[in-house]
């Protein structure tokens, strides 16, 4: 290697060093710390404790609360993600059409995604209130029910409520991604399909959906990760209740760390979340890679 090549090599190292440093500070250090803490029984206020090895993980395996929280997390993620994708695609298709005030509609549709989660939850808690909420008032006025419904305090109403709010809050992300892809689909494809006698539904399934496949793969992966670790929306709406009926793994981490002062157990739950998401990502990426190879073939 010449002297000039060595200088360029060192220049590359210097340029990438800040990124590597930030990555280690933000990703590697917290991850290693969480794994390290999960091997101890630590009292949160003092951060003191003793080595327990894999005892925290063994307790989780035998814990009904952990498995129920894992089930709730998976169920919340799947239901919310399905609604987000369905609503996002439908709204993107509508906003892609020529319509009056289309620019205004595209701006307003982003409102739920940009509004603060705290503000959104306060509004929805008022709507869901069993005594003076407008939702119960309208249903009673329409004669749909004879008594107010406790939307956030009983099951399955609480689960349905958080899924509805989650889908409403985050579906604009899907709209943004899908609408951007719709605008880049060549019109010639639709014209050719129309000439071949394809109707609206056939054009959607044979032209639009295949063109959206790559975007939807990325959207599903990102939204699944973000929904799986969702904490604030569920915590502010139901607090994980009734009892632990809507408690998810992030809520269990918070409860263990700051409610029960068991930082080691909380770290074990967090590491378990990471392992579950890692397994999901591996399976998902393999499926996506296989579909890509089949498409090229």
Foldseek 3Di string as FASTA:
>chain_A
DDPVVVVVVVVVCVVCVVVVVVCCVPPVVVLVVLVVLLQWFAQQVVRDTGGNGCVLVVVLVVDPLNVLQAVLLVVLLVLLLVLLLVVLLVVLVVLLDDDPPSVVVLVVLCVLQPDDLVVLLVLLCQCQDQPRHVVQVVCVVVVVDVGGDNQCADPPSNVVSLSVSSSSNPSSVSNVLLNVQVVVQDVVLVVVCVVVPDDPVRCCVVPSCVSCVVSVLVVSLVSSVCSSLDDDNSCSRHNCDPVNNNNHLNSVLCCCCPVVSGNNSSSSSVVVSVVVSVVVVVVSVVVVVVVVVVVVD
